Every structure is written in structure tokens, then in C-alpha cells.
Amino acid sequence: GVLTEVYAHPSRSPKAVERYAWGGA
């Protein structure tokens, strides 16, 4: 769900990814 939002607006900060992804991902 976060990726759907992040890739729809790549100029915004992708910081929300940090809640669910770690390391290589």
C-alpha cells in the first residue's frame, strides 16, 4: 500500500517505507 502511494508521487519523501522495509528491500 505504501509503495502504491510512493510510486504514484515519487517527488515526495518515501519515508513511510521505513515502517515496513529494512535492509536491501
PDB file of all heavy atoms in Angstrom:
ATOM      1  N   GLY A   1       0.819  -1.216   0.000  1.00  0.00           N
ATOM      2  CA  GLY A   1       0.000   0.000   0.000  1.00  0.00           C
ATOM      3  C   GLY A   1       0.851   1.263   0.000  1.00  0.00           C
ATOM      4  O   GLY A   1       0.563   2.219  -0.731  1.00  0.00           O
ATOM      5  N   VAL A   2       1.907   1.256   0.798  1.00  0.00           N
ATOM      6  CA  VAL A   2       2.824   2.411   0.845  1.00  0.00           C
ATOM      7  C   VAL A   2       3.512   2.576  -0.508  1.00  0.00           C
ATOM      8  O   VAL A   2       3.651   3.698  -1.009  1.00  0.00           O
ATOM      9  CB  VAL A   2       3.854   2.248   1.988  1.00  0.00           C
ATOM     10  CG1 VAL A   2       5.006   3.227   1.851  1.00  0.00           C
ATOM     11  CG2 VAL A   2       3.164   2.422   3.340  1.00  0.00           C
ATOM     12  N   LEU A   3       3.924   1.461  -1.121  1.00  0.00           N
ATOM     13  CA  LEU A   3       4.597   1.550  -2.419  1.00  0.00           C
ATOM     14  C   LEU A   3       3.671   2.111  -3.490  1.00  0.00           C
ATOM     15  O   LEU A   3       4.114   2.876  -4.350  1.00  0.00           O
ATOM     16  CB  LEU A   3       5.127   0.180  -2.841  1.00  0.00           C
ATOM     17  CG  LEU A   3       6.279  -0.354  -2.020  1.00  0.00           C
ATOM     18  CD1 LEU A   3       6.705  -1.728  -2.516  1.00  0.00           C
ATOM     19  CD2 LEU A   3       7.446   0.608  -2.018  1.00  0.00           C
ATOM     20  N   THR A   4       2.408   1.753  -3.429  1.00  0.00           N
ATOM     21  CA  THR A   4       1.451   2.305  -4.388  1.00  0.00           C
ATOM     22  C   THR A   4       1.434   3.831  -4.288  1.00  0.00           C
ATOM     23  O   THR A   4       1.467   4.530  -5.297  1.00  0.00           O
ATOM     24  CB  THR A   4       0.047   1.720  -4.140  1.00  0.00           C
ATOM     25  OG1 THR A   4       0.112   0.298  -4.305  1.00  0.00           O
ATOM     26  CG2 THR A   4      -0.975   2.300  -5.097  1.00  0.00           C
ATOM     27  N   GLU A   5       1.431   4.340  -3.078  1.00  0.00           N
ATOM     28  CA  GLU A   5       1.424   5.795  -2.856  1.00  0.00           C
ATOM     29  C   GLU A   5       2.774   6.423  -3.228  1.00  0.00           C
ATOM     30  O   GLU A   5       2.818   7.462  -3.904  1.00  0.00           O
ATOM     31  CB  GLU A   5       1.093   6.086  -1.392  1.00  0.00           C
ATOM     32  CG  GLU A   5       0.982   7.545  -1.055  1.00  0.00           C
ATOM     33  CD  GLU A   5      -0.167   8.260  -1.751  1.00  0.00           C
ATOM     34  OE1 GLU A   5      -1.157   7.613  -2.138  1.00  0.00           O
ATOM     35  OE2 GLU A   5      -0.065   9.495  -1.921  1.00  0.00           O
ATOM     36  N   VAL A   6       3.858   5.806  -2.805  1.00  0.00           N
ATOM     37  CA  VAL A   6       5.197   6.350  -3.067  1.00  0.00           C
ATOM     38  C   VAL A   6       5.486   6.406  -4.569  1.00  0.00           C
ATOM     39  O   VAL A   6       6.000   7.413  -5.067  1.00  0.00           O
ATOM     40  CB  VAL A   6       6.268   5.507  -2.328  1.00  0.00           C
ATOM     41  CG1 VAL A   6       7.666   5.806  -2.823  1.00  0.00           C
ATOM     42  CG2 VAL A   6       6.180   5.745  -0.827  1.00  0.00           C
ATOM     43  N   TYR A   7       5.158   5.344  -5.300  1.00  0.00           N
ATOM     44  CA  TYR A   7       5.439   5.327  -6.738  1.00  0.00           C
ATOM     45  C   TYR A   7       4.466   6.197  -7.532  1.00  0.00           C
ATOM     46  O   TYR A   7       4.761   6.589  -8.652  1.00  0.00           O
ATOM     47  CB  TYR A   7       5.438   3.899  -7.276  1.00  0.00           C
ATOM     48  CG  TYR A   7       6.578   3.041  -6.759  1.00  0.00           C
ATOM     49  CD1 TYR A   7       6.478   1.660  -6.747  1.00  0.00           C
ATOM     50  CD2 TYR A   7       7.756   3.599  -6.275  1.00  0.00           C
ATOM     51  CE1 TYR A   7       7.515   0.859  -6.289  1.00  0.00           C
ATOM     52  CE2 TYR A   7       8.801   2.812  -5.813  1.00  0.00           C
ATOM     53  CZ  TYR A   7       8.672   1.447  -5.822  1.00  0.00           C
ATOM     54  OH  TYR A   7       9.704   0.652  -5.368  1.00  0.00           O
ATOM     55  N   ALA A   8       3.318   6.534  -6.943  1.00  0.00           N
ATOM     56  CA  ALA A   8       2.389   7.465  -7.595  1.00  0.00           C
ATOM     57  C   ALA A   8       2.885   8.903  -7.470  1.00  0.00           C
ATOM     58  O   ALA A   8       2.536   9.760  -8.279  1.00  0.00           O
ATOM     59  CB  ALA A   8       0.992   7.338  -6.991  1.00  0.00           C
ATOM     60  N   HIS A   9       3.699   9.163  -6.441  1.00  0.00           N
ATOM     61  CA  HIS A   9       4.216  10.513  -6.176  1.00  0.00           C
ATOM     62  C   HIS A   9       5.704  10.438  -5.830  1.00  0.00           C
ATOM     63  O   HIS A   9       6.101  10.729  -4.704  1.00  0.00           O
ATOM     64  CB  HIS A   9       3.443  11.149  -5.017  1.00  0.00           C
ATOM     65  CG  HIS A   9       1.971  11.153  -5.218  1.00  0.00           C
ATOM     66  ND1 HIS A   9       1.335  12.034  -6.052  1.00  0.00           N
ATOM     67  CD2 HIS A   9       0.996  10.347  -4.711  1.00  0.00           C
ATOM     68  CE1 HIS A   9       0.037  11.793  -6.051  1.00  0.00           C
ATOM     69  NE2 HIS A   9      -0.195  10.772  -5.242  1.00  0.00           N
ATOM     70  N   PRO A  10       6.549  10.052  -6.787  1.00  0.00           N
ATOM     71  CA  PRO A  10       7.968   9.848  -6.469  1.00  0.00           C
ATOM     72  C   PRO A  10       8.718  11.118  -6.067  1.00  0.00           C
ATOM     73  O   PRO A  10       9.802  11.024  -5.505  1.00  0.00           O
ATOM     74  CB  PRO A  10       8.540   9.239  -7.746  1.00  0.00           C
ATOM     75  CG  PRO A  10       7.584   9.584  -8.811  1.00  0.00           C
ATOM     76  CD  PRO A  10       6.242   9.717  -8.157  1.00  0.00           C
ATOM     77  N   SER A  11       8.135  12.281  -6.292  1.00  0.00           N
ATOM     78  CA  SER A  11       8.813  13.518  -5.877  1.00  0.00           C
ATOM     79  C   SER A  11       8.652  13.770  -4.372  1.00  0.00           C
ATOM     80  O   SER A  11       9.367  14.579  -3.801  1.00  0.00           O
ATOM     81  CB  SER A  11       8.282  14.719  -6.668  1.00  0.00           C
ATOM     82  OG  SER A  11       6.907  14.886  -6.433  1.00  0.00           O
ATOM     83  N   ARG A  12       7.727  13.059  -3.742  1.00  0.00           N
ATOM     84  CA  ARG A  12       7.541  13.182  -2.291  1.00  0.00           C
ATOM     85  C   ARG A  12       8.524  12.272  -1.548  1.00  0.00           C
ATOM     86  O   ARG A  12       9.090  11.351  -2.116  1.00  0.00           O
ATOM     87  CB  ARG A  12       6.119  12.800  -1.902  1.00  0.00           C
ATOM     88  CG  ARG A  12       5.070  13.716  -2.467  1.00  0.00           C
ATOM     89  CD  ARG A  12       3.710  13.279  -1.987  1.00  0.00           C
ATOM     90  NE  ARG A  12       2.661  14.021  -2.665  1.00  0.00           N
ATOM     91  CZ  ARG A  12       1.392  13.663  -2.639  1.00  0.00           C
ATOM     92  NH1 ARG A  12       1.002  12.600  -1.957  1.00  0.00           N
ATOM     93  NH2 ARG A  12       0.494  14.376  -3.277  1.00  0.00           N
ATOM     94  N   SER A  13       8.664  12.509  -0.274  1.00  0.00           N
ATOM     95  CA  SER A  13       9.551  11.689   0.548  1.00  0.00           C
ATOM     96  C   SER A  13       8.998  10.271   0.679  1.00  0.00           C
ATOM     97  O   SER A  13       7.822  10.090   0.997  1.00  0.00           O
ATOM     98  CB  SER A  13       9.690  12.293   1.944  1.00  0.00           C
ATOM     99  OG  SER A  13      10.362  11.394   2.792  1.00  0.00           O
ATOM    100  N   PRO A  14       9.844   9.259   0.481  1.00  0.00           N
ATOM    101  CA  PRO A  14       9.411   7.871   0.649  1.00  0.00           C
ATOM    102  C   PRO A  14       9.600   7.361   2.077  1.00  0.00           C
ATOM    103  O   PRO A  14       9.663   6.163   2.319  1.00  0.00           O
ATOM    104  CB  PRO A  14      10.326   7.120  -0.326  1.00  0.00           C
ATOM    105  CG  PRO A  14      11.585   7.914  -0.314  1.00  0.00           C
ATOM    106  CD  PRO A  14      11.152   9.362  -0.151  1.00  0.00           C
ATOM    107  N   LYS A  15       9.679   8.258   3.036  1.00  0.00           N
ATOM    108  CA  LYS A  15       9.986   7.914   4.429  1.00  0.00           C
ATOM    109  C   LYS A  15       9.054   6.842   5.004  1.00  0.00           C
ATOM    110  O   LYS A  15       9.470   6.044   5.846  1.00  0.00           O
ATOM    111  CB  LYS A  15       9.915   9.182   5.284  1.00  0.00           C
ATOM    112  CG  LYS A  15      10.531   9.039   6.619  1.00  0.00           C
ATOM    113  CD  LYS A  15      11.801   9.857   6.676  1.00  0.00           C
ATOM    114  CE  LYS A  15      12.369   9.859   8.060  1.00  0.00           C
ATOM    115  NZ  LYS A  15      13.643   9.200   8.140  1.00  0.00           N
ATOM    116  N   ALA A  16       7.794   6.798   4.582  1.00  0.00           N
ATOM    117  CA  ALA A  16       6.838   5.818   5.118  1.00  0.00           C
ATOM    118  C   ALA A  16       7.287   4.376   4.868  1.00  0.00           C
ATOM    119  O   ALA A  16       6.886   3.469   5.596  1.00  0.00           O
ATOM    120  CB  ALA A  16       5.459   6.042   4.511  1.00  0.00           C
ATOM    121  N   VAL A  17       8.142   4.175   3.877  1.00  0.00           N
ATOM    122  CA  VAL A  17       8.670   2.845   3.567  1.00  0.00           C
ATOM    123  C   VAL A  17       9.409   2.268   4.774  1.00  0.00           C
ATOM    124  O   VAL A  17       9.396   1.058   5.001  1.00  0.00           O
ATOM    125  CB  VAL A  17       9.602   2.931   2.331  1.00  0.00           C
ATOM    126  CG1 VAL A  17      10.408   1.660   2.153  1.00  0.00           C
ATOM    127  CG2 VAL A  17       8.791   3.246   1.084  1.00  0.00           C
ATOM    128  N   GLU A  18      10.033   3.130   5.577  1.00  0.00           N
ATOM    129  CA  GLU A  18      10.850   2.683   6.710  1.00  0.00           C
ATOM    130  C   GLU A  18      10.055   1.911   7.756  1.00  0.00           C
ATOM    131  O   GLU A  18      10.630   1.152   8.523  1.00  0.00           O
ATOM    132  CB  GLU A  18      11.552   3.881   7.358  1.00  0.00           C
ATOM    133  CG  GLU A  18      12.577   4.500   6.449  1.00  0.00           C
ATOM    134  CD  GLU A  18      13.248   5.720   7.033  1.00  0.00           C
ATOM    135  OE1 GLU A  18      13.057   6.014   8.236  1.00  0.00           O
ATOM    136  OE2 GLU A  18      13.964   6.398   6.274  1.00  0.00           O
ATOM    137  N   ARG A  19       8.737   2.086   7.793  1.00  0.00           N
ATOM    138  CA  ARG A  19       7.914   1.354   8.755  1.00  0.00           C
ATOM    139  C   ARG A  19       7.776  -0.123   8.408  1.00  0.00           C
ATOM    140  O   ARG A  19       7.445  -0.937   9.258  1.00  0.00           O
ATOM    141  CB  ARG A  19       6.522   1.969   8.827  1.00  0.00           C
ATOM    142  CG  ARG A  19       6.493   3.258   9.611  1.00  0.00           C
ATOM    143  CD  ARG A  19       5.091   3.788   9.715  1.00  0.00           C
ATOM    144  NE  ARG A  19       5.043   4.985   8.879  1.00  0.00           N
ATOM    145  CZ  ARG A  19       3.987   5.474   8.290  1.00  0.00           C
ATOM    146  NH1 ARG A  19       2.829   4.880   8.431  1.00  0.00           N
ATOM    147  NH2 ARG A  19       4.054   6.556   7.573  1.00  0.00           N
ATOM    148  N   TYR A  20       8.008  -0.466   7.121  1.00  0.00           N
ATOM    149  CA  TYR A  20       7.723  -1.824   6.663  1.00  0.00           C
ATOM    150  C   TYR A  20       8.882  -2.513   5.955  1.00  0.00           C
ATOM    151  O   TYR A  20       8.856  -3.730   5.801  1.00  0.00           O
ATOM    152  CB  TYR A  20       6.500  -1.799   5.732  1.00  0.00           C
ATOM    153  CG  TYR A  20       5.335  -1.101   6.367  1.00  0.00           C
ATOM    154  CD1 TYR A  20       4.927   0.161   5.941  1.00  0.00           C
ATOM    155  CD2 TYR A  20       4.660  -1.684   7.432  1.00  0.00           C
ATOM    156  CE1 TYR A  20       3.868   0.813   6.552  1.00  0.00           C
ATOM    157  CE2 TYR A  20       3.601  -1.036   8.050  1.00  0.00           C
ATOM    158  CZ  TYR A  20       3.207   0.215   7.598  1.00  0.00           C
ATOM    159  OH  TYR A  20       2.163   0.857   8.210  1.00  0.00           O
ATOM    160  N   ALA A  21       9.871  -1.764   5.484  1.00  0.00           N
ATOM    161  CA  ALA A  21      11.002  -2.358   4.757  1.00  0.00           C
ATOM    162  C   ALA A  21      12.305  -2.082   5.490  1.00  0.00           C
ATOM    163  O   ALA A  21      12.465  -1.028   6.128  1.00  0.00           O
ATOM    164  CB  ALA A  21      11.065  -1.806   3.345  1.00  0.00           C
ATOM    165  N   TRP A  22      13.239  -3.025   5.371  1.00  0.00           N
ATOM    166  CA  TRP A  22      14.515  -2.948   6.069  1.00  0.00           C
ATOM    167  C   TRP A  22      15.610  -3.430   5.117  1.00  0.00           C
ATOM    168  O   TRP A  22      15.351  -4.221   4.221  1.00  0.00           O
ATOM    169  CB  TRP A  22      14.448  -3.864   7.294  1.00  0.00           C
ATOM    170  CG  TRP A  22      15.603  -3.786   8.229  1.00  0.00           C
ATOM    171  CD1 TRP A  22      16.748  -4.529   8.186  1.00  0.00           C
ATOM    172  CD2 TRP A  22      15.727  -2.939   9.364  1.00  0.00           C
ATOM    173  NE1 TRP A  22      17.563  -4.192   9.218  1.00  0.00           N
ATOM    174  CE2 TRP A  22      16.959  -3.221   9.968  1.00  0.00           C
ATOM    175  CE3 TRP A  22      14.914  -1.974   9.932  1.00  0.00           C
ATOM    176  CZ2 TRP A  22      17.406  -2.563  11.106  1.00  0.00           C
ATOM    177  CZ3 TRP A  22      15.345  -1.326  11.066  1.00  0.00           C
ATOM    178  CH2 TRP A  22      16.581  -1.621  11.647  1.00  0.00           C
ATOM    179  N   GLY A  23      16.796  -2.970   5.321  1.00  0.00           N
ATOM    180  CA  GLY A  23      17.951  -3.503   4.599  1.00  0.00           C
ATOM    181  C   GLY A  23      17.845  -3.358   3.098  1.00  0.00           C
ATOM    182  O   GLY A  23      17.549  -2.291   2.570  1.00  0.00           O
ATOM    183  N   GLY A  24      18.094  -4.472   2.391  1.00  0.00           N
ATOM    184  CA  GLY A  24      18.127  -4.470   0.934  1.00  0.00           C
ATOM    185  C   GLY A  24      16.820  -4.041   0.291  1.00  0.00           C
ATOM    186  O   GLY A  24      16.822  -3.345  -0.732  1.00  0.00           O
ATOM    187  N   ALA A  25      15.701  -4.433   0.872  1.00  0.00           N
ATOM    188  CA  ALA A  25      14.407  -4.046   0.298  1.00  0.00           C
ATOM    189  C   ALA A  25      14.242  -2.529   0.340  1.00  0.00           C
ATOM    190  O   ALA A  25      13.849  -1.905  -0.648  1.00  0.00           O
ATOM    191  CB  ALA A  25      13.258  -4.717   1.047  1.00  0.00           C
TER     192      ALA A  25
END
